[in-house]
Amino acid sequence: MFEENFQVVIQITAPLIAYGLKGTIHAILAHEFLHFLELVRKISKMELISDEISGNLFENVYSDETRLFEPKAVFKDRVLLDHITKKFPAGFRDYKLEDKTIKFWADRDLPKSNISLDTNNVKLSVESLSKIKLDSKFISKIEQLEEKSSKINKKKLY
C-alpha cells in the first residue's frame, strides 16, 4: 500500500563505506541527490515517461547523465563539484576503490550480489504518482534550480 509519503531510498554498498575515500562517498551521494531532484522535478510537472532500459553499460552511462540536474546549479562547494566532475565524467570510475573492493571484499568471498543493469530503475504506478503531495516551497526551490541549471547549460552550448 502506498502511504501518500514519497520516500527515496539510495542503497550504497559496504565496500564503498569500508574502502571509499570521503570525497568519493560525497560525490556518489551528491550524484544520487541530483537524480532525486530531477525525479521530483519530473513528478511536479507530470513529465514522467518510461525511461529507456538497456543492458548495455555505455548506453546506461549516457542515459544516467541525461537524468541529472546540473551540479553547479545545486552545489556551491568547489571541492564537492571537483569530486563530482572528476568521478563522473562519463560514469563513475575509481580504480583504487575497485582494486580494494576486489582484493579485500570479493576475493575474500564476502557477501555480494550481482545486479543486472536493467533492474536499476524506478517503478512508479499512475495511482501512486497521483497520491504524491509535494511541498510548494520545495517545488519553488526546484524551479529556481531548474532555471539556474538551464542558464548554465546554455553557457556550455555557446
C-alpha atoms as a PDB file:
ATOM      1  CA  MET A   1       0.000   0.000   0.000  1.00  0.00           C
ATOM      2  CA  PHE A   2       1.317   3.420  -0.982  1.00  0.00           C
ATOM      3  CA  GLU A   3       1.240   5.610   2.132  1.00  0.00           C
ATOM      4  CA  GLU A   4       0.996   9.027   0.430  1.00  0.00           C
ATOM      5  CA  ASN A   5       4.586   9.654   1.524  1.00  0.00           C
ATOM      6  CA  PHE A   6       7.131   9.927  -1.197  1.00  0.00           C
ATOM      7  CA  GLN A   7      10.269   8.199   0.007  1.00  0.00           C
ATOM      8  CA  VAL A   8      13.507   7.758  -1.854  1.00  0.00           C
ATOM      9  CA  VAL A   9      15.995   5.105  -0.820  1.00  0.00           C
ATOM     10  CA  ILE A  10      19.586   5.199  -2.003  1.00  0.00           C
ATOM     11  CA  GLN A  11      21.417   1.956  -1.460  1.00  0.00           C
ATOM     12  CA  ILE A  12      25.165   2.047  -1.099  1.00  0.00           C
ATOM     13  CA  THR A  13      27.492  -0.863  -0.633  1.00  0.00           C
ATOM     14  CA  ALA A  14      29.529  -1.924   2.374  1.00  0.00           C
ATOM     15  CA  PRO A  15      32.798  -1.869   0.356  1.00  0.00           C
ATOM     16  CA  LEU A  16      32.120   1.763  -0.586  1.00  0.00           C
ATOM     17  CA  ILE A  17      31.808   2.678   3.082  1.00  0.00           C
ATOM     18  CA  ALA A  18      34.757   0.494   4.083  1.00  0.00           C
ATOM     19  CA  TYR A  19      37.225   1.448   1.349  1.00  0.00           C
ATOM     20  CA  GLY A  20      35.903   4.609  -0.301  1.00  0.00           C
ATOM     21  CA  LEU A  21      37.508   7.942   0.367  1.00  0.00           C
ATOM     22  CA  LYS A  22      35.299  10.591   1.920  1.00  0.00           C
ATOM     23  CA  GLY A  23      35.353  12.605  -1.317  1.00  0.00           C
ATOM     24  CA  THR A  24      34.254   9.576  -3.330  1.00  0.00           C
ATOM     25  CA  ILE A  25      31.369   8.842  -0.975  1.00  0.00           C
ATOM     26  CA  HIS A  26      30.297  12.502  -1.035  1.00  0.00           C
ATOM     27  CA  ALA A  27      30.472  12.559  -4.842  1.00  0.00           C
ATOM     28  CA  ILE A  28      28.330   9.434  -5.148  1.00  0.00           C
ATOM     29  CA  LEU A  29      25.719  10.704  -2.692  1.00  0.00           C
ATOM     30  CA  ALA A  30      25.687  14.136  -4.366  1.00  0.00           C
ATOM     31  CA  HIS A  31      25.245  12.456  -7.773  1.00  0.00           C
ATOM     32  CA  GLU A  32      22.294  10.460  -6.438  1.00  0.00           C
ATOM     33  CA  PHE A  33      20.828  13.623  -4.908  1.00  0.00           C
ATOM     34  CA  LEU A  34      20.917  15.214  -8.378  1.00  0.00           C
ATOM     35  CA  HIS A  35      18.871  12.241  -9.631  1.00  0.00           C
ATOM     36  CA  PHE A  36      16.402  12.791  -6.795  1.00  0.00           C
ATOM     37  CA  LEU A  37      15.980  16.454  -7.721  1.00  0.00           C
ATOM     38  CA  GLU A  38      15.383  15.558 -11.367  1.00  0.00           C
ATOM     39  CA  LEU A  39      12.824  12.918 -10.383  1.00  0.00           C
ATOM     40  CA  VAL A  40      10.948  15.380  -8.164  1.00  0.00           C
ATOM     41  CA  ARG A  41      11.062  17.981 -10.952  1.00  0.00           C
ATOM     42  CA  LYS A  42       9.504  15.483 -13.352  1.00  0.00           C
ATOM     43  CA  ILE A  43       6.854  14.437 -10.835  1.00  0.00           C
ATOM     44  CA  SER A  44       5.945  18.044 -10.056  1.00  0.00           C
ATOM     45  CA  LYS A  45       5.439  18.817 -13.748  1.00  0.00           C
ATOM     46  CA  MET A  46       3.936  15.412 -14.567  1.00  0.00           C
ATOM     47  CA  GLU A  47       6.670  14.924 -17.172  1.00  0.00           C
ATOM     48  CA  LEU A  48       7.273  11.323 -16.257  1.00  0.00           C
ATOM     49  CA  ILE A  49       7.568   8.906 -19.082  1.00  0.00           C
ATOM     50  CA  SER A  50       9.080   5.481 -19.171  1.00  0.00           C
ATOM     51  CA  ASP A  51      12.827   5.730 -19.410  1.00  0.00           C
ATOM     52  CA  GLU A  52      14.634   3.501 -21.802  1.00  0.00           C
ATOM     53  CA  ILE A  53      16.112   0.400 -20.238  1.00  0.00           C
ATOM     54  CA  SER A  54      19.304  -1.022 -21.612  1.00  0.00           C
ATOM     55  CA  GLY A  55      21.543  -3.891 -20.660  1.00  0.00           C
ATOM     56  CA  ASN A  56      24.414  -2.009 -22.287  1.00  0.00           C
ATOM     57  CA  LEU A  57      26.764  -0.153 -19.910  1.00  0.00           C
ATOM     58  CA  PHE A  58      27.659   2.542 -22.471  1.00  0.00           C
ATOM     59  CA  GLU A  59      24.000   3.404 -23.076  1.00  0.00           C
ATOM     60  CA  ASN A  60      23.244   3.377 -19.342  1.00  0.00           C
ATOM     61  CA  VAL A  61      26.089   5.796 -18.611  1.00  0.00           C
ATOM     62  CA  TYR A  62      24.737   8.184 -21.237  1.00  0.00           C
ATOM     63  CA  SER A  63      21.121   7.949 -20.067  1.00  0.00           C
ATOM     64  CA  ASP A  64      22.247   8.348 -16.433  1.00  0.00           C
ATOM     65  CA  GLU A  65      23.820  11.696 -17.286  1.00  0.00           C
ATOM     66  CA  THR A  66      20.634  12.912 -19.005  1.00  0.00           C
ATOM     67  CA  ARG A  67      18.619  12.421 -15.813  1.00  0.00           C
ATOM     68  CA  LEU A  68      20.529  14.844 -13.610  1.00  0.00           C
ATOM     69  CA  PHE A  69      20.328  18.418 -12.503  1.00  0.00           C
ATOM     70  CA  GLU A  70      23.391  20.472 -13.368  1.00  0.00           C
ATOM     71  CA  PRO A  71      25.717  20.058 -10.335  1.00  0.00           C
ATOM     72  CA  LYS A  72      26.873  23.697 -10.455  1.00  0.00           C
ATOM     73  CA  ALA A  73      23.269  24.840 -10.107  1.00  0.00           C
ATOM     74  CA  VAL A  74      22.813  22.852  -6.911  1.00  0.00           C
ATOM     75  CA  PHE A  75      26.140  22.778  -5.088  1.00  0.00           C
ATOM     76  CA  LYS A  76      28.449  25.653  -4.223  1.00  0.00           C
ATOM     77  CA  ASP A  77      31.242  23.678  -2.595  1.00  0.00           C
ATOM     78  CA  ARG A  78      34.168  23.726  -5.074  1.00  0.00           C
ATOM     79  CA  VAL A  79      35.726  20.562  -3.625  1.00  0.00           C
ATOM     80  CA  LEU A  80      32.471  18.634  -3.973  1.00  0.00           C
ATOM     81  CA  LEU A  81      31.973  19.927  -7.525  1.00  0.00           C
ATOM     82  CA  ASP A  82      35.519  18.845  -8.399  1.00  0.00           C
ATOM     83  CA  HIS A  83      34.856  15.387  -6.965  1.00  0.00           C
ATOM     84  CA  ILE A  84      31.604  15.058  -8.897  1.00  0.00           C
ATOM     85  CA  THR A  85      33.145  16.137 -12.197  1.00  0.00           C
ATOM     86  CA  LYS A  86      36.284  14.030 -11.720  1.00  0.00           C
ATOM     87  CA  LYS A  87      34.472  10.908 -10.523  1.00  0.00           C
ATOM     88  CA  PHE A  88      31.588  11.143 -13.010  1.00  0.00           C
ATOM     89  CA  PRO A  89      32.949  12.430 -16.323  1.00  0.00           C
ATOM     90  CA  ALA A  90      31.321   9.503 -18.124  1.00  0.00           C
ATOM     91  CA  GLY A  91      30.060   7.128 -15.492  1.00  0.00           C
ATOM     92  CA  PHE A  92      31.603   6.523 -12.087  1.00  0.00           C
ATOM     93  CA  ARG A  93      35.219   5.316 -12.022  1.00  0.00           C
ATOM     94  CA  ASP A  94      37.501   4.953  -9.023  1.00  0.00           C
ATOM     95  CA  TYR A  95      40.245   2.459  -9.822  1.00  0.00           C
ATOM     96  CA  LYS A  96      41.677   2.393  -6.290  1.00  0.00           C
ATOM     97  CA  LEU A  97      38.258   1.680  -4.818  1.00  0.00           C
ATOM     98  CA  GLU A  98      37.645  -1.027  -7.408  1.00  0.00           C
ATOM     99  CA  ASP A  99      41.015  -2.664  -6.649  1.00  0.00           C
ATOM    100  CA  LYS A 100      40.406  -2.596  -2.889  1.00  0.00           C
ATOM    101  CA  THR A 101      36.883  -3.940  -3.326  1.00  0.00           C
ATOM    102  CA  ILE A 102      38.125  -6.866  -5.397  1.00  0.00           C
ATOM    103  CA  LYS A 103      41.151  -7.611  -3.198  1.00  0.00           C
ATOM    104  CA  PHE A 104      39.627  -7.129   0.242  1.00  0.00           C
ATOM    105  CA  TRP A 105      35.970  -7.973  -0.419  1.00  0.00           C
ATOM    106  CA  ALA A 106      35.243 -10.051  -3.482  1.00  0.00           C
ATOM    107  CA  ASP A 107      38.379 -12.218  -3.341  1.00  0.00           C
ATOM    108  CA  ARG A 108      37.626 -12.994   0.304  1.00  0.00           C
ATOM    109  CA  ASP A 109      34.148 -14.245  -0.597  1.00  0.00           C
ATOM    110  CA  LEU A 110      32.387 -11.639   1.497  1.00  0.00           C
ATOM    111  CA  PRO A 111      28.669 -11.173   0.726  1.00  0.00           C
ATOM    112  CA  LYS A 112      27.873  -9.822  -2.706  1.00  0.00           C
ATOM    113  CA  SER A 113      25.043  -9.810  -5.182  1.00  0.00           C
ATOM    114  CA  ASN A 114      25.080  -9.262  -8.901  1.00  0.00           C
ATOM    115  CA  ILE A 115      22.556  -6.763 -10.152  1.00  0.00           C
ATOM    116  CA  SER A 116      21.798  -6.506 -13.842  1.00  0.00           C
ATOM    117  CA  LEU A 117      21.778  -3.051 -15.377  1.00  0.00           C
ATOM    118  CA  ASP A 118      18.124  -3.271 -16.362  1.00  0.00           C
ATOM    119  CA  THR A 119      16.946  -3.696 -12.750  1.00  0.00           C
ATOM    120  CA  ASN A 120      18.412  -0.405 -11.557  1.00  0.00           C
ATOM    121  CA  ASN A 121      15.370   1.764 -12.193  1.00  0.00           C
ATOM    122  CA  VAL A 122      12.382   3.398 -10.528  1.00  0.00           C
ATOM    123  CA  LYS A 123       8.911   1.953 -10.932  1.00  0.00           C
ATOM    124  CA  LEU A 124       6.006   4.212 -10.038  1.00  0.00           C
ATOM    125  CA  SER A 125       2.387   3.466 -10.801  1.00  0.00           C
ATOM    126  CA  VAL A 126      -0.001   6.155 -12.000  1.00  0.00           C
ATOM    127  CA  GLU A 127      -2.040   5.610  -8.858  1.00  0.00           C
ATOM    128  CA  SER A 128       0.933   6.187  -6.575  1.00  0.00           C
ATOM    129  CA  LEU A 129       2.011   9.244  -8.594  1.00  0.00           C
ATOM    130  CA  SER A 130      -1.424  10.783  -8.192  1.00  0.00           C
ATOM    131  CA  LYS A 131      -1.148  10.459  -4.400  1.00  0.00           C
ATOM    132  CA  ILE A 132       2.210  12.215  -4.071  1.00  0.00           C
ATOM    133  CA  LYS A 133       1.968  15.556  -2.321  1.00  0.00           C
ATOM    134  CA  LEU A 134       4.995  17.800  -2.741  1.00  0.00           C
ATOM    135  CA  ASP A 135       5.658  20.828  -0.576  1.00  0.00           C
ATOM    136  CA  SER A 136       5.126  24.050  -2.537  1.00  0.00           C
ATOM    137  CA  LYS A 137       8.302  25.643  -1.071  1.00  0.00           C
ATOM    138  CA  PHE A 138      10.297  22.652  -2.239  1.00  0.00           C
ATOM    139  CA  ILE A 139       8.768  22.834  -5.721  1.00  0.00           C
ATOM    140  CA  SER A 140       9.594  26.542  -5.848  1.00  0.00           C
ATOM    141  CA  LYS A 141      13.220  25.786  -4.956  1.00  0.00           C
ATOM    142  CA  ILE A 142      13.341  23.056  -7.635  1.00  0.00           C
ATOM    143  CA  GLU A 143      12.057  25.578 -10.190  1.00  0.00           C
ATOM    144  CA  GLN A 144      14.778  28.040  -9.182  1.00  0.00           C
ATOM    145  CA  LEU A 145      17.413  25.319  -9.532  1.00  0.00           C
ATOM    146  CA  GLU A 146      15.964  24.321 -12.901  1.00  0.00           C
ATOM    147  CA  GLU A 147      16.207  27.912 -14.156  1.00  0.00           C
ATOM    148  CA  LYS A 148      19.762  28.217 -12.886  1.00  0.00           C
ATOM    149  CA  SER A 149      20.605  24.862 -14.455  1.00  0.00           C
ATOM    150  CA  SER A 150      19.227  25.894 -17.845  1.00  0.00           C
ATOM    151  CA  LYS A 151      21.324  29.083 -17.785  1.00  0.00           C
ATOM    152  CA  ILE A 152      24.461  27.057 -17.032  1.00  0.00           C
ATOM    153  CA  ASN A 153      23.656  24.582 -19.811  1.00  0.00           C
ATOM    154  CA  LYS A 154      23.096  27.426 -22.303  1.00  0.00           C
ATOM    155  CA  LYS A 155      26.541  28.804 -21.451  1.00  0.00           C
ATOM    156  CA  LYS A 156      28.048  25.396 -22.203  1.00  0.00           C
ATOM    157  CA  LEU A 157      26.454  25.397 -25.663  1.00  0.00           C
ATOM    158  CA  TYR A 158      27.872  28.755 -26.715  1.00  0.00           C
END
